[in-house]
Amino acid sequence: MKYFEYNLWAATSSEADSTRETALKAWKERARLYSEEYQKTREHLSKTFVKVYENNFGFRGCYLSDLLLSGNTRIENVGSYIKGITTCKILLSDLVDSWQITYSDIEFINYQPASENDLWAAPNRYRILEFSELLVLDIDNNKLSHEFLLSNGSTLLLHFTRVSVKKINKP
């Protein structure tokens, strides 16, 4: 995460007043910087996506209930990232709605667990999305980045050229 790092976020809830106040000040500044950068990113997204994303506060507090990967070639794990994926569908839900975000022309995907012992699926098979950063990587080639910070400190990072969102019914 470029702006919303887990350690800083955790420090905003510190019991030590000085640590918490320092973290809150830094968090406010990073939120301002991210907001400026996100305004530039909006120009590269569909109006429909922007409306849904912003009306749902960047899907903050949603449960990541599923991650579907597909590719044209053999999908392989190469170090800390996955190679051969062309499409990634993420299913998110809150208490009212469910959303499917589809990323196309995937260039890079990386899941970084909070710790070596962390499994992808929590016992309830959900992860809570705390924050996300949607940024432009390469203006000329319309390459975008979307990184999610999950409640346990894990991150999911995608680099792609197209993204769409649609509301889906809960099963």
N, C-alpha and C. Protein backbone atom coordinates (compact mmCIF):
# COMPACT_ATOMS: atom_id res chain seq x y z
N MET A 1 0.85 -1.17 0.00
CA MET A 1 0.00 0.00 0.00
C MET A 1 0.90 1.24 0.00
N LYS A 2 0.58 2.17 -0.86
CA LYS A 2 1.37 3.38 -0.97
C LYS A 2 1.00 4.38 0.13
N TYR A 3 -0.28 4.50 0.44
CA TYR A 3 -0.74 5.50 1.40
C TYR A 3 -1.26 4.89 2.70
N PHE A 4 -2.09 3.87 2.60
CA PHE A 4 -2.79 3.32 3.75
C PHE A 4 -2.11 2.03 4.24
N GLU A 5 -0.99 2.19 4.90
CA GLU A 5 -0.21 1.05 5.38
C GLU A 5 -0.83 0.48 6.66
N TYR A 6 -0.74 -0.82 6.78
CA TYR A 6 -1.35 -1.50 7.93
C TYR A 6 -0.79 -1.01 9.26
N ASN A 7 0.52 -0.88 9.37
CA ASN A 7 1.13 -0.47 10.64
C ASN A 7 0.66 0.92 11.06
N LEU A 8 0.52 1.83 10.10
CA LEU A 8 0.03 3.17 10.41
C LEU A 8 -1.43 3.10 10.84
N TRP A 9 -2.21 2.32 10.12
CA TRP A 9 -3.63 2.15 10.46
C TRP A 9 -3.77 1.59 11.88
N ALA A 10 -2.98 0.57 12.20
CA ALA A 10 -3.04 -0.03 13.54
C ALA A 10 -2.63 0.99 14.60
N ALA A 11 -1.66 1.85 14.29
CA ALA A 11 -1.20 2.85 15.26
C ALA A 11 -2.27 3.89 15.56
N THR A 12 -3.22 4.09 14.65
CA THR A 12 -4.30 5.06 14.91
C THR A 12 -5.22 4.59 16.03
N SER A 13 -5.11 3.32 16.42
CA SER A 13 -5.90 2.77 17.52
C SER A 13 -5.04 2.47 18.75
N SER A 14 -3.84 3.00 18.76
CA SER A 14 -2.92 2.74 19.87
C SER A 14 -3.46 3.29 21.19
N GLU A 15 -3.15 2.60 22.27
CA GLU A 15 -3.54 3.09 23.60
C GLU A 15 -2.65 4.24 24.05
N ALA A 16 -1.46 4.35 23.49
CA ALA A 16 -0.55 5.44 23.83
C ALA A 16 -0.98 6.70 23.08
N ASP A 17 -1.33 7.73 23.83
CA ASP A 17 -1.85 8.97 23.23
C ASP A 17 -0.91 9.56 22.19
N SER A 18 0.38 9.63 22.50
CA SER A 18 1.33 10.26 21.57
C SER A 18 1.44 9.46 20.28
N THR A 19 1.48 8.13 20.39
CA THR A 19 1.54 7.27 19.20
C THR A 19 0.29 7.45 18.35
N ARG A 20 -0.87 7.43 19.00
CA ARG A 20 -2.14 7.56 18.29
C ARG A 20 -2.26 8.92 17.60
N GLU A 21 -1.91 10.00 18.32
CA GLU A 21 -2.01 11.35 17.75
C GLU A 21 -1.07 11.53 16.56
N THR A 22 0.15 11.01 16.68
CA THR A 22 1.10 11.09 15.57
C THR A 22 0.59 10.30 14.37
N ALA A 23 0.06 9.12 14.63
CA ALA A 23 -0.47 8.27 13.55
C ALA A 23 -1.68 8.92 12.89
N LEU A 24 -2.57 9.50 13.68
CA LEU A 24 -3.76 10.15 13.12
C LEU A 24 -3.38 11.33 12.24
N LYS A 25 -2.38 12.08 12.66
CA LYS A 25 -1.90 13.22 11.86
C LYS A 25 -1.32 12.72 10.54
N ALA A 26 -0.49 11.68 10.61
CA ALA A 26 0.09 11.11 9.39
C ALA A 26 -1.00 10.51 8.50
N TRP A 27 -1.97 9.84 9.10
CA TRP A 27 -3.06 9.22 8.35
C TRP A 27 -3.86 10.29 7.59
N LYS A 28 -4.15 11.39 8.26
CA LYS A 28 -4.91 12.48 7.63
C LYS A 28 -4.15 13.03 6.42
N GLU A 29 -2.85 13.21 6.57
CA GLU A 29 -2.03 13.71 5.46
C GLU A 29 -1.99 12.71 4.31
N ARG A 30 -1.84 11.43 4.61
CA ARG A 30 -1.82 10.41 3.56
C ARG A 30 -3.18 10.31 2.87
N ALA A 31 -4.25 10.47 3.61
CA ALA A 31 -5.59 10.45 3.01
C ALA A 31 -5.74 11.62 2.04
N ARG A 32 -5.20 12.78 2.41
CA ARG A 32 -5.24 13.94 1.52
C ARG A 32 -4.44 13.68 0.24
N LEU A 33 -3.24 13.13 0.39
CA LEU A 33 -2.41 12.83 -0.77
C LEU A 33 -3.06 11.78 -1.67
N TYR A 34 -3.63 10.74 -1.06
CA TYR A 34 -4.32 9.72 -1.85
C TYR A 34 -5.50 10.32 -2.60
N SER A 35 -6.26 11.17 -1.94
CA SER A 35 -7.42 11.80 -2.58
C SER A 35 -7.00 12.57 -3.83
N GLU A 36 -5.89 13.29 -3.74
CA GLU A 36 -5.38 14.03 -4.90
C GLU A 36 -5.03 13.07 -6.04
N GLU A 37 -4.35 11.98 -5.71
CA GLU A 37 -3.95 11.03 -6.75
C GLU A 37 -5.17 10.28 -7.31
N TYR A 38 -6.12 9.96 -6.45
CA TYR A 38 -7.32 9.26 -6.91
C TYR A 38 -8.12 10.12 -7.89
N GLN A 39 -8.14 11.43 -7.70
CA GLN A 39 -8.87 12.31 -8.62
C GLN A 39 -8.33 12.17 -10.05
N LYS A 40 -7.03 11.95 -10.18
CA LYS A 40 -6.43 11.72 -11.50
C LYS A 40 -6.80 10.34 -12.03
N THR A 41 -6.90 9.37 -11.13
CA THR A 41 -7.24 8.00 -11.51
C THR A 41 -8.66 7.91 -12.05
N ARG A 42 -9.57 8.68 -11.49
CA ARG A 42 -10.99 8.66 -11.89
C ARG A 42 -11.16 8.84 -13.40
N GLU A 43 -10.28 9.63 -14.01
CA GLU A 43 -10.37 9.91 -15.45
C GLU A 43 -10.18 8.65 -16.29
N HIS A 44 -9.59 7.62 -15.72
CA HIS A 44 -9.30 6.38 -16.45
C HIS A 44 -10.30 5.27 -16.15
N LEU A 45 -11.34 5.60 -15.41
CA LEU A 45 -12.35 4.62 -15.01
C LEU A 45 -13.70 4.98 -15.60
N SER A 46 -14.55 3.98 -15.78
CA SER A 46 -15.89 4.26 -16.30
C SER A 46 -16.70 5.03 -15.26
N LYS A 47 -17.65 5.82 -15.73
CA LYS A 47 -18.51 6.57 -14.82
C LYS A 47 -19.28 5.63 -13.91
N THR A 48 -19.69 4.49 -14.45
CA THR A 48 -20.43 3.51 -13.65
C THR A 48 -19.58 2.99 -12.51
N PHE A 49 -18.33 2.63 -12.82
CA PHE A 49 -17.45 2.11 -11.77
C PHE A 49 -17.21 3.17 -10.71
N VAL A 50 -16.90 4.39 -11.12
CA VAL A 50 -16.62 5.47 -10.17
C VAL A 50 -17.83 5.69 -9.25
N LYS A 51 -19.02 5.71 -9.83
CA LYS A 51 -20.22 5.94 -9.03
C LYS A 51 -20.40 4.85 -7.97
N VAL A 52 -20.29 3.60 -8.38
CA VAL A 52 -20.46 2.49 -7.43
C VAL A 52 -19.33 2.49 -6.39
N TYR A 53 -18.11 2.68 -6.84
CA TYR A 53 -16.95 2.68 -5.94
C TYR A 53 -17.07 3.77 -4.88
N GLU A 54 -17.41 4.97 -5.31
CA GLU A 54 -17.50 6.09 -4.38
C GLU A 54 -18.74 6.00 -3.49
N ASN A 55 -19.86 5.56 -4.04
CA ASN A 55 -21.08 5.43 -3.23
C ASN A 55 -20.95 4.35 -2.17
N ASN A 56 -20.02 3.42 -2.37
CA ASN A 56 -19.78 2.34 -1.41
C ASN A 56 -18.46 2.53 -0.66
N PHE A 57 -17.98 3.78 -0.63
CA PHE A 57 -16.78 4.14 0.13
C PHE A 57 -15.59 3.25 -0.20
N GLY A 58 -15.41 2.96 -1.48
CA GLY A 58 -14.30 2.10 -1.90
C GLY A 58 -14.44 0.68 -1.41
N PHE A 59 -15.68 0.29 -1.12
CA PHE A 59 -16.03 -1.06 -0.62
C PHE A 59 -15.44 -1.33 0.76
N ARG A 60 -15.15 -0.26 1.49
CA ARG A 60 -14.63 -0.42 2.86
C ARG A 60 -15.66 -1.12 3.73
N GLY A 61 -15.20 -2.12 4.48
CA GLY A 61 -16.09 -2.87 5.36
C GLY A 61 -16.79 -4.03 4.70
N CYS A 62 -16.57 -4.19 3.39
CA CYS A 62 -17.17 -5.33 2.68
C CYS A 62 -16.37 -6.60 2.97
N TYR A 63 -17.03 -7.71 2.83
CA TYR A 63 -16.39 -9.01 2.98
C TYR A 63 -15.92 -9.48 1.60
N LEU A 64 -14.67 -9.88 1.51
CA LEU A 64 -14.17 -10.48 0.28
C LEU A 64 -14.57 -11.95 0.37
N SER A 65 -15.61 -12.31 -0.37
CA SER A 65 -16.15 -13.66 -0.24
C SER A 65 -15.62 -14.64 -1.27
N ASP A 66 -15.08 -14.13 -2.38
CA ASP A 66 -14.53 -15.05 -3.38
C ASP A 66 -13.59 -14.31 -4.31
N LEU A 67 -12.65 -15.06 -4.87
CA LEU A 67 -11.68 -14.54 -5.82
C LEU A 67 -11.59 -15.58 -6.92
N LEU A 68 -11.97 -15.20 -8.14
CA LEU A 68 -11.99 -16.12 -9.27
C LEU A 68 -10.95 -15.68 -10.29
N LEU A 69 -10.04 -16.59 -10.64
CA LEU A 69 -8.97 -16.28 -11.58
C LEU A 69 -9.13 -17.11 -12.84
N SER A 70 -8.87 -16.51 -14.00
CA SER A 70 -8.89 -17.27 -15.25
C SER A 70 -7.79 -16.74 -16.16
N GLY A 71 -7.34 -17.60 -17.06
CA GLY A 71 -6.27 -17.22 -17.97
C GLY A 71 -6.32 -18.00 -19.26
N ASN A 72 -5.59 -17.52 -20.25
CA ASN A 72 -5.52 -18.18 -21.55
C ASN A 72 -4.43 -19.24 -21.59
N THR A 73 -3.49 -19.15 -20.67
CA THR A 73 -2.39 -20.10 -20.63
C THR A 73 -2.36 -20.75 -19.26
N ARG A 74 -1.41 -21.60 -19.07
CA ARG A 74 -1.27 -22.26 -17.77
C ARG A 74 -0.96 -21.21 -16.69
N ILE A 75 -1.73 -21.25 -15.62
CA ILE A 75 -1.52 -20.32 -14.52
C ILE A 75 -0.49 -20.93 -13.58
N GLU A 76 0.56 -20.16 -13.26
CA GLU A 76 1.59 -20.67 -12.37
C GLU A 76 1.97 -19.64 -11.33
N ASN A 77 2.40 -20.14 -10.21
CA ASN A 77 2.87 -19.31 -9.12
C ASN A 77 4.36 -19.06 -9.32
N VAL A 78 4.74 -17.79 -9.48
CA VAL A 78 6.14 -17.44 -9.71
C VAL A 78 6.58 -16.55 -8.55
N GLY A 79 7.26 -17.13 -7.60
CA GLY A 79 7.68 -16.35 -6.43
C GLY A 79 6.48 -15.88 -5.65
N SER A 80 6.37 -14.56 -5.49
CA SER A 80 5.27 -14.02 -4.70
C SER A 80 4.09 -13.57 -5.55
N TYR A 81 4.14 -13.81 -6.85
CA TYR A 81 3.00 -13.43 -7.68
C TYR A 81 2.59 -14.58 -8.58
N ILE A 82 1.45 -14.38 -9.24
CA ILE A 82 0.88 -15.43 -10.08
C ILE A 82 0.97 -15.00 -11.54
N LYS A 83 1.40 -15.90 -12.42
CA LYS A 83 1.61 -15.60 -13.84
C LYS A 83 0.58 -16.34 -14.68
N GLY A 84 0.13 -15.71 -15.77
CA GLY A 84 -0.78 -16.37 -16.71
C GLY A 84 -2.24 -16.02 -16.53
N ILE A 85 -2.55 -15.13 -15.62
CA ILE A 85 -3.94 -14.74 -15.37
C ILE A 85 -4.30 -13.59 -16.28
N THR A 86 -5.46 -13.66 -16.91
CA THR A 86 -5.94 -12.56 -17.75
C THR A 86 -7.14 -11.85 -17.14
N THR A 87 -7.90 -12.56 -16.32
CA THR A 87 -9.09 -11.98 -15.71
C THR A 87 -9.17 -12.38 -14.24
N CYS A 88 -9.57 -11.43 -13.42
CA CYS A 88 -9.77 -11.68 -12.00
C CYS A 88 -11.12 -11.11 -11.61
N LYS A 89 -11.95 -11.93 -11.00
CA LYS A 89 -13.25 -11.47 -10.50
C LYS A 89 -13.22 -11.57 -8.98
N ILE A 90 -13.56 -10.46 -8.34
CA ILE A 90 -13.61 -10.41 -6.89
C ILE A 90 -15.06 -10.21 -6.48
N LEU A 91 -15.53 -11.04 -5.58
CA LEU A 91 -16.89 -10.92 -5.07
C LEU A 91 -16.82 -10.32 -3.67
N LEU A 92 -17.53 -9.21 -3.51
CA LEU A 92 -17.58 -8.49 -2.24
C LEU A 92 -19.02 -8.38 -1.78
N SER A 93 -19.24 -8.40 -0.49
CA SER A 93 -20.60 -8.20 0.01
C SER A 93 -20.57 -7.48 1.34
N ASP A 94 -21.64 -6.72 1.57
CA ASP A 94 -21.84 -6.12 2.88
C ASP A 94 -23.16 -6.66 3.41
N LEU A 95 -23.76 -6.02 4.35
CA LEU A 95 -25.00 -6.54 4.92
C LEU A 95 -26.18 -6.44 3.96
N VAL A 96 -26.06 -5.61 2.93
CA VAL A 96 -27.18 -5.36 2.02
C VAL A 96 -26.91 -5.85 0.60
N ASP A 97 -25.76 -5.52 0.06
CA ASP A 97 -25.47 -5.74 -1.35
C ASP A 97 -24.29 -6.68 -1.56
N SER A 98 -24.24 -7.25 -2.76
CA SER A 98 -23.09 -8.02 -3.22
C SER A 98 -22.64 -7.43 -4.55
N TRP A 99 -21.34 -7.40 -4.74
CA TRP A 99 -20.75 -6.80 -5.94
C TRP A 99 -19.74 -7.75 -6.55
N GLN A 100 -19.67 -7.72 -7.87
CA GLN A 100 -18.62 -8.44 -8.60
C GLN A 100 -17.77 -7.40 -9.31
N ILE A 101 -16.50 -7.35 -8.95
CA ILE A 101 -15.56 -6.47 -9.64
C ILE A 101 -14.75 -7.35 -10.57
N THR A 102 -14.73 -6.99 -11.86
CA THR A 102 -13.99 -7.77 -12.86
C THR A 102 -12.83 -6.94 -13.38
N TYR A 103 -11.63 -7.47 -13.21
CA TYR A 103 -10.41 -6.84 -13.71
C TYR A 103 -9.98 -7.61 -14.95
N SER A 104 -9.74 -6.89 -16.04
CA SER A 104 -9.34 -7.53 -17.31
C SER A 104 -7.94 -7.10 -17.70
N ASP A 105 -7.33 -7.91 -18.54
CA ASP A 105 -5.96 -7.67 -19.00
C ASP A 105 -5.02 -7.54 -17.80
N ILE A 106 -5.08 -8.54 -16.94
CA ILE A 106 -4.24 -8.56 -15.74
C ILE A 106 -2.78 -8.67 -16.14
N GLU A 107 -1.99 -7.79 -15.61
CA GLU A 107 -0.55 -7.82 -15.86
C GLU A 107 0.20 -8.41 -14.66
N PHE A 108 -0.38 -8.23 -13.48
CA PHE A 108 0.30 -8.64 -12.25
C PHE A 108 -0.74 -8.82 -11.16
N ILE A 109 -0.57 -9.86 -10.35
CA ILE A 109 -1.42 -10.06 -9.17
C ILE A 109 -0.54 -10.61 -8.06
N ASN A 110 -0.72 -10.07 -6.86
CA ASN A 110 0.09 -10.51 -5.73
C ASN A 110 -0.75 -10.48 -4.46
N TYR A 111 -0.76 -11.60 -3.77
CA TYR A 111 -1.38 -11.67 -2.44
C TYR A 111 -0.25 -11.75 -1.43
N GLN A 112 -0.21 -10.80 -0.52
CA GLN A 112 0.82 -10.77 0.51
C GLN A 112 0.17 -11.04 1.86
N PRO A 113 0.35 -12.26 2.41
CA PRO A 113 -0.27 -12.56 3.70
C PRO A 113 0.34 -11.72 4.82
N ALA A 114 -0.43 -11.49 5.86
CA ALA A 114 0.05 -10.71 7.00
C ALA A 114 1.20 -11.41 7.70
N SER A 115 1.19 -12.73 7.69
CA SER A 115 2.28 -13.50 8.29
C SER A 115 2.43 -14.81 7.54
N GLU A 116 3.51 -15.50 7.76
CA GLU A 116 3.75 -16.77 7.08
C GLU A 116 2.73 -17.82 7.46
N ASN A 117 2.17 -17.71 8.65
CA ASN A 117 1.19 -18.69 9.11
C ASN A 117 -0.23 -18.36 8.66
N ASP A 118 -0.41 -17.19 8.04
CA ASP A 118 -1.74 -16.76 7.65
C ASP A 118 -2.24 -17.55 6.44
N LEU A 119 -3.41 -18.07 6.54
CA LEU A 119 -4.04 -18.76 5.42
C LEU A 119 -4.92 -17.78 4.67
N TRP A 120 -5.16 -18.04 3.39
CA TRP A 120 -6.00 -17.15 2.59
C TRP A 120 -7.40 -17.06 3.17
N ALA A 121 -8.00 -18.16 3.52
CA ALA A 121 -9.37 -18.14 4.02
C ALA A 121 -9.40 -18.19 5.54
N ALA A 122 -10.06 -17.24 6.13
CA ALA A 122 -10.29 -17.25 7.58
C ALA A 122 -11.31 -18.35 7.87
N PRO A 123 -11.48 -18.74 9.13
CA PRO A 123 -12.43 -19.80 9.44
C PRO A 123 -13.83 -19.57 8.86
N ASN A 124 -14.25 -18.31 8.80
CA ASN A 124 -15.58 -18.05 8.23
C ASN A 124 -15.52 -17.82 6.72
N ARG A 125 -14.37 -18.05 6.12
CA ARG A 125 -14.14 -17.95 4.68
C ARG A 125 -14.28 -16.52 4.16
N TYR A 126 -14.16 -15.53 5.01
CA TYR A 126 -14.27 -14.14 4.60
C TYR A 126 -13.07 -13.33 5.09
N ARG A 127 -12.81 -12.28 4.39
CA ARG A 127 -11.86 -11.26 4.82
C ARG A 127 -12.58 -9.93 4.73
N ILE A 128 -12.35 -9.07 5.68
CA ILE A 128 -12.97 -7.75 5.66
C ILE A 128 -12.01 -6.78 4.97
N LEU A 129 -12.53 -6.04 4.01
CA LEU A 129 -11.76 -5.03 3.29
C LEU A 129 -11.75 -3.75 4.12
N GLU A 130 -10.57 -3.33 4.52
CA GLU A 130 -10.45 -2.12 5.33
C GLU A 130 -10.25 -0.88 4.46
N PHE A 131 -9.29 -0.94 3.55
CA PHE A 131 -9.01 0.19 2.67
C PHE A 131 -8.57 -0.34 1.32
N SER A 132 -8.69 0.51 0.31
CA SER A 132 -8.14 0.16 -0.99
C SER A 132 -7.57 1.41 -1.64
N GLU A 133 -6.58 1.20 -2.48
CA GLU A 133 -5.97 2.28 -3.24
C GLU A 133 -6.08 1.96 -4.72
N LEU A 134 -6.70 2.85 -5.44
CA LEU A 134 -6.89 2.72 -6.88
C LEU A 134 -6.05 3.81 -7.53
N LEU A 135 -4.99 3.40 -8.26
CA LEU A 135 -4.01 4.35 -8.78
C LEU A 135 -3.69 4.08 -10.25
N VAL A 136 -3.17 5.11 -10.93
CA VAL A 136 -2.68 4.97 -12.30
C VAL A 136 -1.21 4.57 -12.24
N LEU A 137 -0.85 3.52 -12.99
CA LEU A 137 0.55 3.10 -13.08
C LEU A 137 1.24 3.69 -14.30
N ASP A 138 0.54 3.66 -15.44
CA ASP A 138 1.11 4.08 -16.72
C ASP A 138 0.01 4.74 -17.54
N ILE A 139 0.03 6.06 -17.61
CA ILE A 139 -1.02 6.80 -18.31
C ILE A 139 -1.07 6.43 -19.79
N ASP A 140 0.07 6.33 -20.45
CA ASP A 140 0.11 6.06 -21.89
C ASP A 140 -0.53 4.72 -22.25
N ASN A 141 -0.35 3.71 -21.42
CA ASN A 141 -0.90 2.39 -21.70
C ASN A 141 -2.13 2.06 -20.86
N ASN A 142 -2.66 3.08 -20.18
CA ASN A 142 -3.86 2.93 -19.35
C ASN A 142 -3.74 1.78 -18.34
N LYS A 143 -2.57 1.64 -17.75
CA LYS A 143 -2.35 0.60 -16.73
C LYS A 143 -2.75 1.16 -15.37
N LEU A 144 -3.58 0.41 -14.67
CA LEU A 144 -4.07 0.82 -13.36
C LEU A 144 -3.66 -0.19 -12.30
N SER A 145 -3.74 0.24 -11.07
CA SER A 145 -3.40 -0.60 -9.93
C SER A 145 -4.52 -0.49 -8.90
N HIS A 146 -4.91 -1.61 -8.33
CA HIS A 146 -5.87 -1.62 -7.22
C HIS A 146 -5.31 -2.53 -6.14
N GLU A 147 -5.08 -1.95 -4.98
CA GLU A 147 -4.54 -2.72 -3.86
C GLU A 147 -5.51 -2.66 -2.70
N PHE A 148 -5.77 -3.82 -2.11
CA PHE A 148 -6.69 -3.94 -0.98
C PHE A 148 -5.91 -4.25 0.29
N LEU A 149 -6.25 -3.57 1.36
CA LEU A 149 -5.73 -3.89 2.69
C LEU A 149 -6.84 -4.60 3.44
N LEU A 150 -6.59 -5.84 3.82
CA LEU A 150 -7.59 -6.63 4.52
C LEU A 150 -7.42 -6.48 6.03
N SER A 151 -8.45 -6.84 6.76
CA SER A 151 -8.50 -6.60 8.20
C SER A 151 -7.37 -7.25 8.99
N ASN A 152 -6.80 -8.32 8.48
CA ASN A 152 -5.72 -8.99 9.20
C ASN A 152 -4.34 -8.47 8.81
N GLY A 153 -4.29 -7.45 7.93
CA GLY A 153 -3.02 -6.89 7.49
C GLY A 153 -2.52 -7.44 6.17
N SER A 154 -3.19 -8.43 5.62
CA SER A 154 -2.83 -8.97 4.30
C SER A 154 -3.18 -7.95 3.23
N THR A 155 -2.49 -8.04 2.09
CA THR A 155 -2.81 -7.17 0.96
C THR A 155 -2.99 -7.99 -0.31
N LEU A 156 -3.82 -7.48 -1.19
CA LEU A 156 -4.03 -8.06 -2.51
C LEU A 156 -3.83 -6.94 -3.51
N LEU A 157 -2.90 -7.13 -4.45
CA LEU A 157 -2.53 -6.11 -5.42
C LEU A 157 -2.78 -6.63 -6.83
N LEU A 158 -3.44 -5.80 -7.65
CA LEU A 158 -3.70 -6.14 -9.05
C LEU A 158 -3.25 -4.99 -9.95
N HIS A 159 -2.61 -5.33 -11.08
CA HIS A 159 -2.30 -4.37 -12.13
C HIS A 159 -3.10 -4.81 -13.35
N PHE A 160 -3.80 -3.89 -14.01
CA PHE A 160 -4.75 -4.25 -15.06
C PHE A 160 -5.00 -3.05 -15.96
N THR A 161 -5.77 -3.27 -17.04
CA THR A 161 -6.12 -2.15 -17.92
C THR A 161 -7.61 -1.80 -17.88
N ARG A 162 -8.46 -2.77 -17.54
CA ARG A 162 -9.90 -2.48 -17.50
C ARG A 162 -10.51 -3.05 -16.23
N VAL A 163 -11.50 -2.33 -15.72
CA VAL A 163 -12.23 -2.81 -14.54
C VAL A 163 -13.70 -2.47 -14.72
N SER A 164 -14.54 -3.38 -14.28
CA SER A 164 -15.99 -3.13 -14.30
C SER A 164 -16.57 -3.66 -13.00
N VAL A 165 -17.76 -3.21 -12.69
CA VAL A 165 -18.43 -3.65 -11.47
C VAL A 165 -19.90 -3.85 -11.77
N LYS A 166 -20.47 -4.86 -11.13
CA LYS A 166 -21.91 -5.05 -11.25
C LYS A 166 -22.45 -5.59 -9.93
N LYS A 167 -23.67 -5.19 -9.67
CA LYS A 167 -24.35 -5.66 -8.47
C LYS A 167 -24.90 -7.05 -8.76
N ILE A 168 -24.71 -7.97 -7.82
CA ILE A 168 -25.22 -9.32 -8.01
C ILE A 168 -26.11 -9.69 -6.83
N ASN A 169 -26.95 -10.67 -7.04
CA ASN A 169 -27.83 -11.13 -5.96
C ASN A 169 -27.06 -12.05 -5.04
N LYS A 170 -27.41 -11.97 -3.77
CA LYS A 170 -26.82 -12.91 -2.82
C LYS A 170 -27.44 -14.28 -3.03
N PRO A 171 -26.63 -15.35 -2.85
CA PRO A 171 -27.17 -16.70 -3.04
C PRO A 171 -28.22 -17.05 -1.99
